[in-house]
């Protein structure tokens, strides 16, 4: 999975892509899941499963859970 990071918040980039980042385990698991897609909107990462939004990650605020999904277990 590739994501255009040009509009992504720098805090979110560090949390997502650096090995010791809070969201890095989530990013790794998303790579192996064919049902999951992600897109950057308003500097946040919007994560979808089968076309339905499940999660929004922001750099400085808490993740916004839209729908229950197995990805949430990774964050806790």
PDB file of N, CA and C in Angstrom:
ATOM      1  N   UNK A   1       0.853  -1.179   0.000  1.00  0.00           N
ATOM      2  CA  UNK A   1       0.000   0.000   0.000  1.00  0.00           C
ATOM      3  C   UNK A   1       0.891   1.231   0.000  1.00  0.00           C
ATOM      4  N   UNK A   2       0.558   2.166  -0.861  1.00  0.00           N
ATOM      5  CA  UNK A   2       1.271   3.434  -0.875  1.00  0.00           C
ATOM      6  C   UNK A   2       0.283   4.560  -0.586  1.00  0.00           C
ATOM      7  N   UNK A   3       0.757   5.565   0.106  1.00  0.00           N
ATOM      8  CA  UNK A   3      -0.063   6.720   0.472  1.00  0.00           C
ATOM      9  C   UNK A   3       0.716   7.972   0.123  1.00  0.00           C
ATOM     10  N   UNK A   4       0.047   8.940  -0.480  1.00  0.00           N
ATOM     11  CA  UNK A   4       0.673  10.219  -0.788  1.00  0.00           C
ATOM     12  C   UNK A   4       0.831  11.004   0.511  1.00  0.00           C
ATOM     13  N   UNK A   5       2.052  11.147   0.969  1.00  0.00           N
ATOM     14  CA  UNK A   5       2.301  11.795   2.258  1.00  0.00           C
ATOM     15  C   UNK A   5       2.555  13.298   2.139  1.00  0.00           C
ATOM     16  N   UNK A   6       2.433  13.867   0.946  1.00  0.00           N
ATOM     17  CA  UNK A   6       2.744  15.282   0.763  1.00  0.00           C
ATOM     18  C   UNK A   6       1.826  16.187   1.588  1.00  0.00           C
ATOM     19  N   UNK A   7       0.590  15.779   1.839  1.00  0.00           N
ATOM     20  CA  UNK A   7      -0.331  16.589   2.637  1.00  0.00           C
ATOM     21  C   UNK A   7      -0.554  16.023   4.037  1.00  0.00           C
ATOM     22  N   UNK A   8       0.242  15.026   4.429  1.00  0.00           N
ATOM     23  CA  UNK A   8       0.064  14.409   5.736  1.00  0.00           C
ATOM     24  C   UNK A   8       0.790  15.212   6.809  1.00  0.00           C
ATOM     25  N   UNK A   9       0.179  15.350   7.951  1.00  0.00           N
ATOM     26  CA  UNK A   9       0.764  16.031   9.105  1.00  0.00           C
ATOM     27  C   UNK A   9       2.096  15.364   9.473  1.00  0.00           C
ATOM     28  N   UNK A  10       3.112  16.164   9.759  1.00  0.00           N
ATOM     29  CA  UNK A  10       4.435  15.616  10.073  1.00  0.00           C
ATOM     30  C   UNK A  10       4.408  14.773  11.354  1.00  0.00           C
ATOM     31  N   UNK A  11       3.579  15.144  12.317  1.00  0.00           N
ATOM     32  CA  UNK A  11       3.444  14.357  13.543  1.00  0.00           C
ATOM     33  C   UNK A  11       2.887  12.974  13.223  1.00  0.00           C
ATOM     34  N   UNK A  12       1.896  12.940  12.348  1.00  0.00           N
ATOM     35  CA  UNK A  12       1.292  11.669  11.949  1.00  0.00           C
ATOM     36  C   UNK A  12       2.300  10.818  11.179  1.00  0.00           C
ATOM     37  N   UNK A  13       3.083  11.430  10.327  1.00  0.00           N
ATOM     38  CA  UNK A  13       4.102  10.680   9.588  1.00  0.00           C
ATOM     39  C   UNK A  13       5.066   9.977  10.533  1.00  0.00           C
ATOM     40  N   UNK A  14       5.510  10.691  11.560  1.00  0.00           N
ATOM     41  CA  UNK A  14       6.430  10.087  12.529  1.00  0.00           C
ATOM     42  C   UNK A  14       5.745   8.938  13.270  1.00  0.00           C
ATOM     43  N   UNK A  15       4.502   9.140  13.725  1.00  0.00           N
ATOM     44  CA  UNK A  15       3.778   8.100  14.467  1.00  0.00           C
ATOM     45  C   UNK A  15       3.513   6.867  13.609  1.00  0.00           C
ATOM     46  N   UNK A  16       3.326   7.063  12.320  1.00  0.00           N
ATOM     47  CA  UNK A  16       2.936   5.978  11.421  1.00  0.00           C
ATOM     48  C   UNK A  16       4.123   5.234  10.824  1.00  0.00           C
ATOM     49  N   UNK A  17       5.146   5.953  10.391  1.00  0.00           N
ATOM     50  CA  UNK A  17       6.214   5.340   9.604  1.00  0.00           C
ATOM     51  C   UNK A  17       7.481   5.011  10.377  1.00  0.00           C
ATOM     52  N   UNK A  18       7.728   5.670  11.511  1.00  0.00           N
ATOM     53  CA  UNK A  18       8.930   5.350  12.278  1.00  0.00           C
ATOM     54  C   UNK A  18       8.686   4.080  13.088  1.00  0.00           C
ATOM     55  N   UNK A  19       9.704   3.247  13.199  1.00  0.00           N
ATOM     56  CA  UNK A  19       9.567   1.937  13.835  1.00  0.00           C
ATOM     57  C   UNK A  19       9.055   2.030  15.269  1.00  0.00           C
ATOM     58  N   UNK A  20       9.438   3.076  15.992  1.00  0.00           N
ATOM     59  CA  UNK A  20       8.979   3.219  17.376  1.00  0.00           C
ATOM     60  C   UNK A  20       7.717   4.077  17.490  1.00  0.00           C
ATOM     61  N   UNK A  21       7.076   4.388  16.372  1.00  0.00           N
ATOM     62  CA  UNK A  21       5.859   5.202  16.367  1.00  0.00           C
ATOM     63  C   UNK A  21       4.652   4.463  16.921  1.00  0.00           C
ATOM     64  N   UNK A  22       3.734   5.201  17.499  1.00  0.00           N
ATOM     65  CA  UNK A  22       2.533   4.636  18.113  1.00  0.00           C
ATOM     66  C   UNK A  22       1.681   3.875  17.095  1.00  0.00           C
ATOM     67  N   UNK A  23       1.568   4.391  15.883  1.00  0.00           N
ATOM     68  CA  UNK A  23       0.710   3.778  14.861  1.00  0.00           C
ATOM     69  C   UNK A  23       1.459   2.822  13.933  1.00  0.00           C
ATOM     70  N   UNK A  24       2.758   2.643  14.125  1.00  0.00           N
ATOM     71  CA  UNK A  24       3.539   1.803  13.210  1.00  0.00           C
ATOM     72  C   UNK A  24       3.024   0.356  13.142  1.00  0.00           C
ATOM     73  N   UNK A  25       2.685  -0.294  14.262  1.00  0.00           N
ATOM     74  CA  UNK A  25       2.151  -1.661  14.168  1.00  0.00           C
ATOM     75  C   UNK A  25       0.869  -1.715  13.322  1.00  0.00           C
ATOM     76  N   UNK A  26       0.061  -0.682  13.411  1.00  0.00           N
ATOM     77  CA  UNK A  26      -1.156  -0.595  12.602  1.00  0.00           C
ATOM     78  C   UNK A  26      -0.792  -0.501  11.121  1.00  0.00           C
ATOM     79  N   UNK A  27       0.191   0.322  10.799  1.00  0.00           N
ATOM     80  CA  UNK A  27       0.628   0.492   9.413  1.00  0.00           C
ATOM     81  C   UNK A  27       1.140  -0.839   8.851  1.00  0.00           C
ATOM     82  N   UNK A  28       1.918  -1.556   9.632  1.00  0.00           N
ATOM     83  CA  UNK A  28       2.463  -2.844   9.192  1.00  0.00           C
ATOM     84  C   UNK A  28       1.333  -3.833   8.904  1.00  0.00           C
ATOM     85  N   UNK A  29       0.345  -3.896   9.780  1.00  0.00           N
ATOM     86  CA  UNK A  29      -0.764  -4.843   9.568  1.00  0.00           C
ATOM     87  C   UNK A  29      -1.625  -4.438   8.371  1.00  0.00           C
ATOM     88  N   UNK A  30      -1.718  -3.150   8.101  1.00  0.00           N
ATOM     89  CA  UNK A  30      -2.493  -2.689   6.940  1.00  0.00           C
ATOM     90  C   UNK A  30      -1.844  -3.132   5.638  1.00  0.00           C
ATOM     91  N   UNK A  31      -0.530  -3.285   5.619  1.00  0.00           N
ATOM     92  CA  UNK A  31       0.187  -3.680   4.415  1.00  0.00           C
ATOM     93  C   UNK A  31      -0.200  -5.084   3.957  1.00  0.00           C
ATOM     94  N   UNK A  32      -0.561  -5.936   4.905  1.00  0.00           N
ATOM     95  CA  UNK A  32      -0.885  -7.331   4.599  1.00  0.00           C
ATOM     96  C   UNK A  32      -2.374  -7.576   4.417  1.00  0.00           C
ATOM     97  N   UNK A  33      -3.187  -6.541   4.536  1.00  0.00           N
ATOM     98  CA  UNK A  33      -4.645  -6.693   4.480  1.00  0.00           C
ATOM     99  C   UNK A  33      -5.169  -6.099   3.168  1.00  0.00           C
ATOM    100  N   UNK A  34      -5.584  -6.959   2.256  1.00  0.00           N
ATOM    101  CA  UNK A  34      -6.037  -6.518   0.936  1.00  0.00           C
ATOM    102  C   UNK A  34      -7.355  -5.751   0.981  1.00  0.00           C
ATOM    103  N   UNK A  35      -8.129  -5.903   2.053  1.00  0.00           N
ATOM    104  CA  UNK A  35      -9.424  -5.220   2.160  1.00  0.00           C
ATOM    105  C   UNK A  35      -9.290  -3.776   2.621  1.00  0.00           C
ATOM    106  N   UNK A  36      -8.111  -3.394   3.085  1.00  0.00           N
ATOM    107  CA  UNK A  36      -7.900  -2.074   3.689  1.00  0.00           C
ATOM    108  C   UNK A  36      -7.258  -1.125   2.677  1.00  0.00           C
ATOM    109  N   UNK A  37      -7.818   0.095   2.599  1.00  0.00           N
ATOM    110  CA  UNK A  37      -7.235   1.171   1.813  1.00  0.00           C
ATOM    111  C   UNK A  37      -7.122   2.401   2.701  1.00  0.00           C
ATOM    112  N   UNK A  38      -6.288   3.329   2.298  1.00  0.00           N
ATOM    113  CA  UNK A  38      -6.111   4.547   3.089  1.00  0.00           C
ATOM    114  C   UNK A  38      -5.845   5.718   2.158  1.00  0.00           C
ATOM    115  N   UNK A  39      -6.295   6.896   2.597  1.00  0.00           N
ATOM    116  CA  UNK A  39      -6.088   8.106   1.820  1.00  0.00           C
ATOM    117  C   UNK A  39      -5.885   9.276   2.790  1.00  0.00           C
ATOM    118  N   UNK A  40      -5.062  10.244   2.381  1.00  0.00           N
ATOM    119  CA  UNK A  40      -4.815  11.430   3.205  1.00  0.00           C
ATOM    120  C   UNK A  40      -5.813  12.507   2.817  1.00  0.00           C
ATOM    121  N   UNK A  41      -6.524  12.995   3.816  1.00  0.00           N
ATOM    122  CA  UNK A  41      -7.454  14.115   3.632  1.00  0.00           C
ATOM    123  C   UNK A  41      -7.295  15.052   4.818  1.00  0.00           C
ATOM    124  N   UNK A  42      -7.197  16.323   4.560  1.00  0.00           N
ATOM    125  CA  UNK A  42      -7.062  17.338   5.624  1.00  0.00           C
ATOM    126  C   UNK A  42      -5.943  16.986   6.598  1.00  0.00           C
ATOM    127  N   UNK A  43      -4.809  16.515   6.050  1.00  0.00           N
ATOM    128  CA  UNK A  43      -3.615  16.187   6.823  1.00  0.00           C
ATOM    129  C   UNK A  43      -3.787  14.969   7.724  1.00  0.00           C
ATOM    130  N   UNK A  44      -4.923  14.288   7.629  1.00  0.00           N
ATOM    131  CA  UNK A  44      -5.204  13.095   8.425  1.00  0.00           C
ATOM    132  C   UNK A  44      -5.256  11.870   7.515  1.00  0.00           C
ATOM    133  N   UNK A  45      -5.067  10.690   8.107  1.00  0.00           N
ATOM    134  CA  UNK A  45      -5.144   9.446   7.348  1.00  0.00           C
ATOM    135  C   UNK A  45      -6.501   8.806   7.587  1.00  0.00           C
ATOM    136  N   UNK A  46      -7.276   8.666   6.532  1.00  0.00           N
ATOM    137  CA  UNK A  46      -8.595   8.039   6.582  1.00  0.00           C
ATOM    138  C   UNK A  46      -8.436   6.597   6.112  1.00  0.00           C
ATOM    139  N   UNK A  47      -8.831   5.659   6.946  1.00  0.00           N
ATOM    140  CA  UNK A  47      -8.644   4.238   6.665  1.00  0.00           C
ATOM    141  C   UNK A  47      -9.998   3.597   6.385  1.00  0.00           C
ATOM    142  N   UNK A  48     -10.050   2.825   5.304  1.00  0.00           N
ATOM    143  CA  UNK A  48     -11.294   2.191   4.843  1.00  0.00           C
ATOM    144  C   UNK A  48     -11.115   0.680   4.763  1.00  0.00           C
ATOM    145  N   UNK A  49     -12.176  -0.058   5.060  1.00  0.00           N
ATOM    146  CA  UNK A  49     -12.227  -1.499   4.826  1.00  0.00           C
ATOM    147  C   UNK A  49     -13.399  -1.761   3.898  1.00  0.00           C
ATOM    148  N   UNK A  50     -13.118  -2.347   2.758  1.00  0.00           N
ATOM    149  CA  UNK A  50     -14.142  -2.633   1.743  1.00  0.00           C
ATOM    150  C   UNK A  50     -14.951  -1.387   1.390  1.00  0.00           C
ATOM    151  N   UNK A  51     -14.285  -0.239   1.314  1.00  0.00           N
ATOM    152  CA  UNK A  51     -14.937   1.001   0.905  1.00  0.00           C
ATOM    153  C   UNK A  51     -15.673   1.733   2.002  1.00  0.00           C
ATOM    154  N   UNK A  52     -15.689   1.201   3.225  1.00  0.00           N
ATOM    155  CA  UNK A  52     -16.373   1.867   4.337  1.00  0.00           C
ATOM    156  C   UNK A  52     -15.337   2.368   5.336  1.00  0.00           C
ATOM    157  N   UNK A  53     -15.447   3.639   5.696  1.00  0.00           N
ATOM    158  CA  UNK A  53     -14.484   4.253   6.612  1.00  0.00           C
ATOM    159  C   UNK A  53     -14.589   3.604   7.983  1.00  0.00           C
ATOM    160  N   UNK A  54     -13.415   3.233   8.533  1.00  0.00           N
ATOM    161  CA  UNK A  54     -13.395   2.618   9.852  1.00  0.00           C
ATOM    162  C   UNK A  54     -12.612   3.432  10.874  1.00  0.00           C
ATOM    163  N   UNK A  55     -11.656   4.247  10.408  1.00  0.00           N
ATOM    164  CA  UNK A  55     -10.772   4.915  11.342  1.00  0.00           C
ATOM    165  C   UNK A  55     -10.161   6.157  10.707  1.00  0.00           C
ATOM    166  N   UNK A  56      -9.943   7.199  11.522  1.00  0.00           N
ATOM    167  CA  UNK A  56      -9.247   8.407  11.076  1.00  0.00           C
ATOM    168  C   UNK A  56      -8.116   8.666  12.067  1.00  0.00           C
ATOM    169  N   UNK A  57      -6.900   8.756  11.539  1.00  0.00           N
ATOM    170  CA  UNK A  57      -5.736   9.024  12.373  1.00  0.00           C
ATOM    171  C   UNK A  57      -5.251  10.439  12.135  1.00  0.00           C
ATOM    172  N   UNK A  58      -5.001  11.152  13.222  1.00  0.00           N
ATOM    173  CA  UNK A  58      -4.476  12.512  13.151  1.00  0.00           C
ATOM    174  C   UNK A  58      -3.157  12.555  13.909  1.00  0.00           C
ATOM    175  N   UNK A  59      -2.364  13.565  13.656  1.00  0.00           N
ATOM    176  CA  UNK A  59      -1.056  13.661  14.278  1.00  0.00           C
ATOM    177  C   UNK A  59      -1.082  13.988  15.748  1.00  0.00           C
ATOM    178  N   UNK A  60      -1.884  14.960  16.142  1.00  0.00           N
ATOM    179  CA  UNK A  60      -1.849  15.430  17.524  1.00  0.00           C
ATOM    180  C   UNK A  60      -3.089  15.050  18.337  1.00  0.00           C
ATOM    181  N   UNK A  61      -4.130  14.535  17.709  1.00  0.00           N
ATOM    182  CA  UNK A  61      -5.324  14.159  18.466  1.00  0.00           C
ATOM    183  C   UNK A  61      -5.502  12.646  18.448  1.00  0.00           C
ATOM    184  N   UNK A  62      -6.408  12.177  19.261  1.00  0.00           N
ATOM    185  CA  UNK A  62      -6.669  10.736  19.373  1.00  0.00           C
ATOM    186  C   UNK A  62      -7.302  10.197  18.096  1.00  0.00           C
ATOM    187  N   UNK A  63      -7.122   8.908  17.836  1.00  0.00           N
ATOM    188  CA  UNK A  63      -7.759   8.305  16.657  1.00  0.00           C
ATOM    189  C   UNK A  63      -9.279   8.396  16.769  1.00  0.00           C
ATOM    190  N   UNK A  64      -9.927   8.618  15.638  1.00  0.00           N
ATOM    191  CA  UNK A  64     -11.391   8.690  15.617  1.00  0.00           C
ATOM    192  C   UNK A  64     -11.920   7.367  15.059  1.00  0.00           C
ATOM    193  N   UNK A  65     -12.615   6.626  15.896  1.00  0.00           N
ATOM    194  CA  UNK A  65     -13.184   5.349  15.489  1.00  0.00           C
ATOM    195  C   UNK A  65     -14.534   5.613  14.840  1.00  0.00           C
ATOM    196  N   UNK A  66     -14.670   5.202  13.596  1.00  0.00           N
ATOM    197  CA  UNK A  66     -15.918   5.382  12.863  1.00  0.00           C
ATOM    198  C   UNK A  66     -16.760   4.118  12.956  1.00  0.00           C
ATOM    199  N   UNK A  67     -16.140   2.965  12.713  1.00  0.00           N
ATOM    200  CA  UNK A  67     -16.791   1.662  12.809  1.00  0.00           C
ATOM    201  C   UNK A  67     -15.859   0.709  13.544  1.00  0.00           C
ATOM    202  N   UNK A  68     -16.437  -0.223  14.270  1.00  0.00           N
ATOM    203  CA  UNK A  68     -15.627  -1.240  14.933  1.00  0.00           C
ATOM    204  C   UNK A  68     -14.929  -2.088  13.873  1.00  0.00           C
ATOM    205  N   UNK A  69     -13.653  -2.368  14.099  1.00  0.00           N
ATOM    206  CA  UNK A  69     -12.871  -3.123  13.135  1.00  0.00           C
ATOM    207  C   UNK A  69     -11.709  -3.790  13.878  1.00  0.00           C
ATOM    208  N   UNK A  70     -11.168  -4.840  13.306  1.00  0.00           N
ATOM    209  CA  UNK A  70     -10.066  -5.531  13.959  1.00  0.00           C
ATOM    210  C   UNK A  70      -8.814  -4.664  14.047  1.00  0.00           C
ATOM    211  N   UNK A  71      -8.723  -3.611  13.252  1.00  0.00           N
ATOM    212  CA  UNK A  71      -7.580  -2.699  13.345  1.00  0.00           C
ATOM    213  C   UNK A  71      -7.535  -1.970  14.687  1.00  0.00           C
ATOM    214  N   UNK A  72      -8.687  -1.791  15.309  1.00  0.00           N
ATOM    215  CA  UNK A  72      -8.733  -1.090  16.614  1.00  0.00           C
ATOM    216  C   UNK A  72      -7.995  -1.855  17.688  1.00  0.00           C
ATOM    217  N   UNK A  73      -8.004  -3.195  17.596  1.00  0.00           N
ATOM    218  CA  UNK A  73      -7.313  -4.008  18.597  1.00  0.00           C
ATOM    219  C   UNK A  73      -5.818  -3.729  18.596  1.00  0.00           C
ATOM    220  N   UNK A  74      -5.286  -3.362  17.462  1.00  0.00           N
ATOM    221  CA  UNK A  74      -3.850  -3.073  17.350  1.00  0.00           C
ATOM    222  C   UNK A  74      -3.504  -1.780  18.083  1.00  0.00           C
ATOM    223  N   UNK A  75      -4.421  -0.853  18.109  1.00  0.00           N
ATOM    224  CA  UNK A  75      -4.158   0.440  18.758  1.00  0.00           C
ATOM    225  C   UNK A  75      -4.200   0.349  20.280  1.00  0.00           C
ATOM    226  N   UNK A  76      -4.833  -0.671  20.810  1.00  0.00           N
ATOM    227  CA  UNK A  76      -4.991  -0.757  22.267  1.00  0.00           C
ATOM    228  C   UNK A  76      -4.018  -1.714  22.875  1.00  0.00           C
TER     229      UNK A  76
END
